[in-house]
Amino acid sequence: MKHTLTLLCALALPLAASSVFAKLPAPTPEAQAKAAETAARTAWSAKTDAYLLCKAQDQVAAKYRASAQSAGKPVPAAATTPPCVDPGPYAAAPAGETKPIEASGAHSPATTAASPPSTNQPSAQTHPAPKN
């Protein structure tokens, strides 16, 4: 019984390990957009948390100063810090409309020429240097 269990484990281990090396498919544009939206929302959330922390620290410092003054203790000079910046409400980034390459004009044909590109002058007159 021990040998059978060992044999099964020995056979199952390489099969399980081979799935670790499998590649994931490339993300779809929808998945990339969703990931970008999640990243933007997380960044906004971090800014909001920093703003709330700054306001709370200002309140604690003000209460400390008030209580120290009322107790007659010497109050140290306030350190200069940048003001708290409110990030405002969350606004999703506008979805940029991306045109396919064909619609963007990248492969558009050239306009029709109004005059022929060549002249009646021989090449020796237009390019006097000999060709190498």
N, C-alpha and C. Protein backbone atom coordinates (compact mmCIF):
# COMPACT_ATOMS: atom_id res chain seq x y z
N MET A 1 0.82 -1.19 0.00
CA MET A 1 0.00 0.00 0.00
C MET A 1 0.87 1.26 0.00
N LYS A 2 1.95 1.23 0.77
CA LYS A 2 2.84 2.38 0.82
C LYS A 2 3.49 2.63 -0.54
N HIS A 3 3.84 1.55 -1.22
CA HIS A 3 4.50 1.69 -2.52
C HIS A 3 3.54 2.26 -3.56
N THR A 4 2.27 1.87 -3.49
CA THR A 4 1.29 2.39 -4.44
C THR A 4 1.07 3.87 -4.22
N LEU A 5 0.98 4.28 -2.97
CA LEU A 5 0.80 5.69 -2.64
C LEU A 5 2.02 6.50 -3.07
N THR A 6 3.18 5.98 -2.86
CA THR A 6 4.41 6.66 -3.27
C THR A 6 4.49 6.77 -4.78
N LEU A 7 4.09 5.71 -5.48
CA LEU A 7 4.10 5.72 -6.93
C LEU A 7 3.11 6.74 -7.47
N LEU A 8 1.92 6.81 -6.89
CA LEU A 8 0.93 7.79 -7.32
C LEU A 8 1.42 9.22 -7.09
N CYS A 9 2.03 9.44 -5.95
CA CYS A 9 2.58 10.78 -5.67
C CYS A 9 3.70 11.12 -6.63
N ALA A 10 4.53 10.14 -6.94
CA ALA A 10 5.64 10.37 -7.84
C ALA A 10 5.15 10.68 -9.25
N LEU A 11 4.02 10.12 -9.66
CA LEU A 11 3.47 10.39 -10.98
C LEU A 11 2.67 11.71 -11.00
N ALA A 12 2.00 12.02 -9.91
CA ALA A 12 1.16 13.23 -9.86
C ALA A 12 1.99 14.50 -9.71
N LEU A 13 3.12 14.41 -9.07
CA LEU A 13 3.94 15.60 -8.84
C LEU A 13 4.41 16.25 -10.14
N PRO A 14 4.97 15.52 -11.11
CA PRO A 14 5.37 16.18 -12.36
C PRO A 14 4.20 16.76 -13.14
N LEU A 15 3.05 16.10 -13.07
CA LEU A 15 1.88 16.64 -13.77
C LEU A 15 1.43 17.95 -13.15
N ALA A 16 1.42 18.02 -11.85
CA ALA A 16 1.02 19.24 -11.16
C ALA A 16 2.06 20.35 -11.37
N ALA A 17 3.32 19.98 -11.39
CA ALA A 17 4.38 20.98 -11.56
C ALA A 17 4.39 21.54 -12.97
N SER A 18 3.98 20.75 -13.97
CA SER A 18 3.99 21.25 -15.34
C SER A 18 2.95 22.35 -15.54
N SER A 19 1.89 22.34 -14.77
CA SER A 19 0.88 23.39 -14.92
C SER A 19 1.38 24.73 -14.39
N VAL A 20 2.41 24.71 -13.57
CA VAL A 20 2.98 25.95 -13.05
C VAL A 20 3.65 26.75 -14.17
N PHE A 21 4.19 26.09 -15.15
CA PHE A 21 4.91 26.75 -16.23
C PHE A 21 4.00 27.18 -17.38
N ALA A 22 2.70 26.98 -17.26
CA ALA A 22 1.78 27.37 -18.32
C ALA A 22 1.71 28.89 -18.40
N LYS A 23 1.62 29.41 -19.62
CA LYS A 23 1.55 30.86 -19.82
C LYS A 23 0.10 31.31 -19.77
N LEU A 24 -0.10 32.48 -19.19
CA LEU A 24 -1.43 33.07 -19.19
C LEU A 24 -1.65 33.79 -20.51
N PRO A 25 -2.90 33.85 -20.96
CA PRO A 25 -3.15 34.58 -22.21
C PRO A 25 -2.96 36.08 -22.01
N ALA A 26 -2.73 36.77 -23.09
CA ALA A 26 -2.56 38.23 -23.02
C ALA A 26 -3.89 38.86 -22.59
N PRO A 27 -3.84 39.92 -21.79
CA PRO A 27 -5.09 40.54 -21.34
C PRO A 27 -5.83 41.20 -22.49
N THR A 28 -7.13 41.16 -22.43
CA THR A 28 -7.96 41.78 -23.45
C THR A 28 -8.01 43.28 -23.20
N PRO A 29 -8.40 44.06 -24.19
CA PRO A 29 -8.52 45.51 -23.97
C PRO A 29 -9.50 45.85 -22.85
N GLU A 30 -10.56 45.06 -22.70
CA GLU A 30 -11.52 45.30 -21.62
C GLU A 30 -10.87 45.07 -20.26
N ALA A 31 -10.06 44.02 -20.17
CA ALA A 31 -9.37 43.73 -18.91
C ALA A 31 -8.34 44.82 -18.60
N GLN A 32 -7.66 45.31 -19.62
CA GLN A 32 -6.69 46.38 -19.42
C GLN A 32 -7.39 47.66 -18.96
N ALA A 33 -8.55 47.95 -19.54
CA ALA A 33 -9.30 49.14 -19.14
C ALA A 33 -9.79 49.01 -17.70
N LYS A 34 -10.22 47.83 -17.36
CA LYS A 34 -10.69 47.60 -15.99
C LYS A 34 -9.53 47.73 -15.00
N ALA A 35 -8.38 47.22 -15.36
CA ALA A 35 -7.20 47.33 -14.49
C ALA A 35 -6.78 48.79 -14.34
N ALA A 36 -6.84 49.56 -15.42
CA ALA A 36 -6.50 50.98 -15.35
C ALA A 36 -7.48 51.73 -14.46
N GLU A 37 -8.77 51.39 -14.58
CA GLU A 37 -9.79 52.02 -13.74
C GLU A 37 -9.57 51.68 -12.27
N THR A 38 -9.22 50.43 -11.99
CA THR A 38 -8.95 50.02 -10.61
C THR A 38 -7.72 50.75 -10.07
N ALA A 39 -6.70 50.90 -10.89
CA ALA A 39 -5.49 51.61 -10.45
C ALA A 39 -5.80 53.08 -10.16
N ALA A 40 -6.63 53.70 -11.01
CA ALA A 40 -7.00 55.11 -10.80
C ALA A 40 -7.81 55.26 -9.52
N ARG A 41 -8.74 54.34 -9.30
CA ARG A 41 -9.55 54.41 -8.08
C ARG A 41 -8.69 54.19 -6.84
N THR A 42 -7.72 53.29 -6.92
CA THR A 42 -6.83 53.05 -5.78
C THR A 42 -5.97 54.27 -5.49
N ALA A 43 -5.48 54.93 -6.54
CA ALA A 43 -4.68 56.13 -6.35
C ALA A 43 -5.51 57.24 -5.71
N TRP A 44 -6.76 57.40 -6.17
CA TRP A 44 -7.64 58.41 -5.58
C TRP A 44 -7.93 58.07 -4.11
N SER A 45 -8.13 56.80 -3.82
CA SER A 45 -8.39 56.38 -2.44
C SER A 45 -7.20 56.68 -1.54
N ALA A 46 -5.99 56.48 -2.05
CA ALA A 46 -4.79 56.78 -1.28
C ALA A 46 -4.69 58.28 -1.01
N LYS A 47 -5.02 59.11 -2.02
CA LYS A 47 -4.99 60.56 -1.82
C LYS A 47 -6.04 60.99 -0.80
N THR A 48 -7.20 60.37 -0.85
CA THR A 48 -8.26 60.70 0.11
C THR A 48 -7.83 60.31 1.52
N ASP A 49 -7.23 59.13 1.66
CA ASP A 49 -6.76 58.69 2.98
C ASP A 49 -5.68 59.64 3.52
N ALA A 50 -4.78 60.09 2.66
CA ALA A 50 -3.74 61.02 3.08
C ALA A 50 -4.35 62.35 3.52
N TYR A 51 -5.38 62.79 2.82
CA TYR A 51 -6.06 64.05 3.19
C TYR A 51 -6.73 63.90 4.55
N LEU A 52 -7.43 62.80 4.76
CA LEU A 52 -8.11 62.60 6.05
C LEU A 52 -7.10 62.48 7.19
N LEU A 53 -5.97 61.82 6.94
CA LEU A 53 -4.92 61.72 7.95
C LEU A 53 -4.35 63.10 8.27
N CYS A 54 -4.13 63.91 7.26
CA CYS A 54 -3.59 65.26 7.47
C CYS A 54 -4.55 66.09 8.31
N LYS A 55 -5.85 66.02 8.02
CA LYS A 55 -6.84 66.78 8.79
C LYS A 55 -6.87 66.29 10.25
N ALA A 56 -6.79 64.98 10.45
CA ALA A 56 -6.81 64.44 11.81
C ALA A 56 -5.56 64.88 12.59
N GLN A 57 -4.42 64.88 11.92
CA GLN A 57 -3.19 65.33 12.58
C GLN A 57 -3.27 66.81 12.95
N ASP A 58 -3.86 67.62 12.08
CA ASP A 58 -4.04 69.04 12.39
C ASP A 58 -4.93 69.23 13.60
N GLN A 59 -6.00 68.43 13.69
CA GLN A 59 -6.92 68.53 14.83
C GLN A 59 -6.22 68.13 16.13
N VAL A 60 -5.45 67.06 16.09
CA VAL A 60 -4.74 66.60 17.29
C VAL A 60 -3.73 67.66 17.73
N ALA A 61 -3.01 68.23 16.79
CA ALA A 61 -2.03 69.26 17.12
C ALA A 61 -2.72 70.49 17.73
N ALA A 62 -3.88 70.88 17.18
CA ALA A 62 -4.61 72.04 17.71
C ALA A 62 -5.10 71.76 19.13
N LYS A 63 -5.60 70.56 19.39
CA LYS A 63 -6.07 70.21 20.74
C LYS A 63 -4.90 70.16 21.72
N TYR A 64 -3.76 69.66 21.28
CA TYR A 64 -2.58 69.61 22.14
C TYR A 64 -2.15 71.03 22.51
N ARG A 65 -2.10 71.91 21.53
CA ARG A 65 -1.69 73.28 21.79
C ARG A 65 -2.66 73.97 22.75
N ALA A 66 -3.96 73.74 22.55
CA ALA A 66 -4.96 74.37 23.41
C ALA A 66 -4.86 73.85 24.84
N SER A 67 -4.67 72.54 24.98
CA SER A 67 -4.59 71.98 26.34
C SER A 67 -3.29 72.40 27.03
N ALA A 68 -2.20 72.51 26.28
CA ALA A 68 -0.92 72.93 26.86
C ALA A 68 -1.00 74.39 27.29
N GLN A 69 -1.65 75.23 26.50
CA GLN A 69 -1.78 76.64 26.87
C GLN A 69 -2.67 76.81 28.10
N SER A 70 -3.76 76.03 28.15
CA SER A 70 -4.67 76.16 29.30
C SER A 70 -4.02 75.65 30.58
N ALA A 71 -3.08 74.71 30.46
CA ALA A 71 -2.38 74.19 31.63
C ALA A 71 -1.20 75.08 32.01
N GLY A 72 -0.91 76.08 31.23
CA GLY A 72 0.18 76.99 31.53
C GLY A 72 1.54 76.45 31.15
N LYS A 73 1.59 75.41 30.34
CA LYS A 73 2.87 74.85 29.90
C LYS A 73 3.39 75.64 28.70
N PRO A 74 4.69 75.65 28.52
CA PRO A 74 5.22 76.34 27.34
C PRO A 74 4.87 75.56 26.06
N VAL A 75 4.39 76.26 25.09
CA VAL A 75 3.98 75.63 23.82
C VAL A 75 5.09 75.86 22.80
N PRO A 76 5.65 74.78 22.23
CA PRO A 76 6.70 74.96 21.23
C PRO A 76 6.12 75.58 19.95
N ALA A 77 6.98 76.17 19.16
CA ALA A 77 6.56 76.77 17.90
C ALA A 77 6.04 75.68 16.96
N ALA A 78 4.99 76.02 16.23
CA ALA A 78 4.40 75.05 15.30
C ALA A 78 5.32 74.85 14.10
N ALA A 79 5.47 73.63 13.72
CA ALA A 79 6.28 73.33 12.53
C ALA A 79 5.47 73.70 11.29
N THR A 80 6.15 74.23 10.30
CA THR A 80 5.46 74.59 9.06
C THR A 80 5.31 73.34 8.21
N THR A 81 4.10 73.06 7.86
CA THR A 81 3.81 71.90 7.02
C THR A 81 2.95 72.38 5.86
N PRO A 82 2.97 71.65 4.74
CA PRO A 82 2.12 72.06 3.62
C PRO A 82 0.65 71.86 3.99
N PRO A 83 -0.23 72.66 3.43
CA PRO A 83 -1.65 72.53 3.76
C PRO A 83 -2.21 71.20 3.23
N CYS A 84 -3.26 70.75 3.87
CA CYS A 84 -3.92 69.52 3.43
C CYS A 84 -4.64 69.79 2.11
N VAL A 85 -4.47 68.92 1.15
CA VAL A 85 -5.07 69.10 -0.17
C VAL A 85 -6.18 68.08 -0.35
N ASP A 86 -7.40 68.59 -0.53
CA ASP A 86 -8.56 67.72 -0.73
C ASP A 86 -8.55 67.22 -2.18
N PRO A 87 -8.54 65.89 -2.41
CA PRO A 87 -8.51 65.39 -3.78
C PRO A 87 -9.84 65.54 -4.50
N GLY A 88 -10.90 65.85 -3.77
CA GLY A 88 -12.21 66.02 -4.41
C GLY A 88 -12.87 64.67 -4.66
N PRO A 89 -14.04 64.71 -5.24
CA PRO A 89 -14.74 63.45 -5.51
C PRO A 89 -14.05 62.68 -6.63
N TYR A 90 -14.27 61.39 -6.64
CA TYR A 90 -13.65 60.54 -7.66
C TYR A 90 -14.31 60.82 -9.01
N ALA A 91 -13.51 61.02 -10.00
CA ALA A 91 -13.99 61.21 -11.36
C ALA A 91 -13.25 60.22 -12.25
N ALA A 92 -14.00 59.34 -12.87
CA ALA A 92 -13.39 58.35 -13.75
C ALA A 92 -12.80 59.06 -14.96
N ALA A 93 -11.68 58.57 -15.39
CA ALA A 93 -11.02 59.15 -16.56
C ALA A 93 -11.89 58.89 -17.78
N PRO A 94 -12.05 59.90 -18.65
CA PRO A 94 -12.87 59.67 -19.84
C PRO A 94 -12.21 58.63 -20.74
N ALA A 95 -13.03 57.75 -21.23
CA ALA A 95 -12.51 56.70 -22.11
C ALA A 95 -12.10 57.32 -23.43
N GLY A 96 -10.83 57.23 -23.73
CA GLY A 96 -10.33 57.79 -24.99
C GLY A 96 -10.78 56.92 -26.15
N GLU A 97 -11.37 57.55 -27.14
CA GLU A 97 -11.84 56.79 -28.29
C GLU A 97 -10.65 56.50 -29.19
N THR A 98 -10.34 55.25 -29.34
CA THR A 98 -9.22 54.87 -30.19
C THR A 98 -9.76 54.39 -31.52
N LYS A 99 -9.24 54.96 -32.57
CA LYS A 99 -9.67 54.57 -33.90
C LYS A 99 -8.80 53.43 -34.39
N PRO A 100 -9.35 52.52 -35.14
CA PRO A 100 -8.50 51.51 -35.74
C PRO A 100 -7.56 52.18 -36.75
N ILE A 101 -6.49 51.53 -37.09
CA ILE A 101 -5.49 52.12 -37.97
C ILE A 101 -6.11 52.51 -39.31
N GLU A 102 -7.03 51.73 -39.81
CA GLU A 102 -7.63 52.02 -41.11
C GLU A 102 -8.45 53.30 -41.04
N ALA A 103 -9.12 53.56 -39.93
CA ALA A 103 -9.96 54.75 -39.80
C ALA A 103 -9.16 55.99 -39.47
N SER A 104 -7.94 55.84 -39.02
CA SER A 104 -7.15 57.00 -38.63
C SER A 104 -6.48 57.69 -39.80
N GLY A 105 -6.56 57.11 -40.99
CA GLY A 105 -5.96 57.73 -42.17
C GLY A 105 -4.51 57.35 -42.37
N ALA A 106 -4.00 56.41 -41.59
CA ALA A 106 -2.59 56.05 -41.71
C ALA A 106 -2.32 55.33 -43.03
N HIS A 107 -3.31 54.63 -43.56
CA HIS A 107 -3.10 53.87 -44.78
C HIS A 107 -3.85 54.48 -45.95
N SER A 108 -4.20 55.74 -45.86
CA SER A 108 -4.93 56.38 -46.94
C SER A 108 -4.02 56.55 -48.15
N PRO A 109 -4.57 56.40 -49.35
CA PRO A 109 -3.73 56.59 -50.53
C PRO A 109 -3.40 58.07 -50.71
N ALA A 110 -2.34 58.33 -51.42
CA ALA A 110 -1.93 59.70 -51.68
C ALA A 110 -2.94 60.36 -52.61
N THR A 111 -3.01 61.67 -52.54
CA THR A 111 -3.93 62.38 -53.41
C THR A 111 -3.43 62.30 -54.85
N THR A 112 -4.34 62.53 -55.79
CA THR A 112 -3.99 62.47 -57.19
C THR A 112 -3.11 63.66 -57.54
N ALA A 113 -2.05 63.39 -58.30
CA ALA A 113 -1.11 64.45 -58.66
C ALA A 113 -1.76 65.39 -59.68
N ALA A 114 -1.51 66.69 -59.51
CA ALA A 114 -2.06 67.68 -60.43
C ALA A 114 -1.19 67.81 -61.67
N SER A 115 0.08 67.51 -61.57
CA SER A 115 0.98 67.59 -62.72
C SER A 115 1.90 66.38 -62.67
N PRO A 116 2.47 66.01 -63.80
CA PRO A 116 3.37 64.86 -63.79
C PRO A 116 4.62 65.16 -62.98
N PRO A 117 5.20 64.16 -62.32
CA PRO A 117 6.36 64.39 -61.48
C PRO A 117 7.65 64.60 -62.26
N SER A 118 7.65 64.27 -63.54
CA SER A 118 8.89 64.38 -64.29
C SER A 118 8.92 65.67 -65.11
N THR A 119 10.10 66.00 -65.61
CA THR A 119 10.28 67.17 -66.47
C THR A 119 10.87 66.71 -67.79
N ASN A 120 10.97 67.66 -68.73
CA ASN A 120 11.55 67.32 -70.03
C ASN A 120 13.06 67.46 -70.03
N GLN A 121 13.66 67.90 -68.93
CA GLN A 121 15.11 68.06 -68.88
C GLN A 121 15.76 66.69 -68.72
N PRO A 122 16.88 66.51 -69.39
CA PRO A 122 17.61 65.24 -69.19
C PRO A 122 18.21 65.18 -67.79
N SER A 123 18.47 64.00 -67.34
CA SER A 123 19.01 63.78 -66.00
C SER A 123 20.38 64.42 -65.83
N ALA A 124 21.15 64.50 -66.89
CA ALA A 124 22.49 65.08 -66.81
C ALA A 124 22.41 66.57 -66.46
N GLN A 125 21.35 67.24 -66.85
CA GLN A 125 21.21 68.65 -66.55
C GLN A 125 20.72 68.87 -65.11
N THR A 126 19.84 68.03 -64.64
CA THR A 126 19.32 68.21 -63.27
C THR A 126 20.29 67.70 -62.23
N HIS A 127 21.08 66.66 -62.55
CA HIS A 127 22.07 66.08 -61.63
C HIS A 127 23.41 66.02 -62.35
N PRO A 128 24.19 67.11 -62.28
CA PRO A 128 25.43 67.11 -63.07
C PRO A 128 26.50 66.17 -62.53
N ALA A 129 26.45 65.79 -61.28
CA ALA A 129 27.47 64.90 -60.74
C ALA A 129 27.24 63.48 -61.26
N PRO A 130 28.32 62.78 -61.57
CA PRO A 130 28.15 61.41 -62.06
C PRO A 130 27.67 60.49 -60.94
N LYS A 131 26.89 59.52 -61.30
CA LYS A 131 26.38 58.56 -60.32
C LYS A 131 27.46 57.53 -60.00
N ASN A 132 27.50 57.12 -58.78
CA ASN A 132 28.49 56.13 -58.35
C ASN A 132 27.96 54.74 -58.51
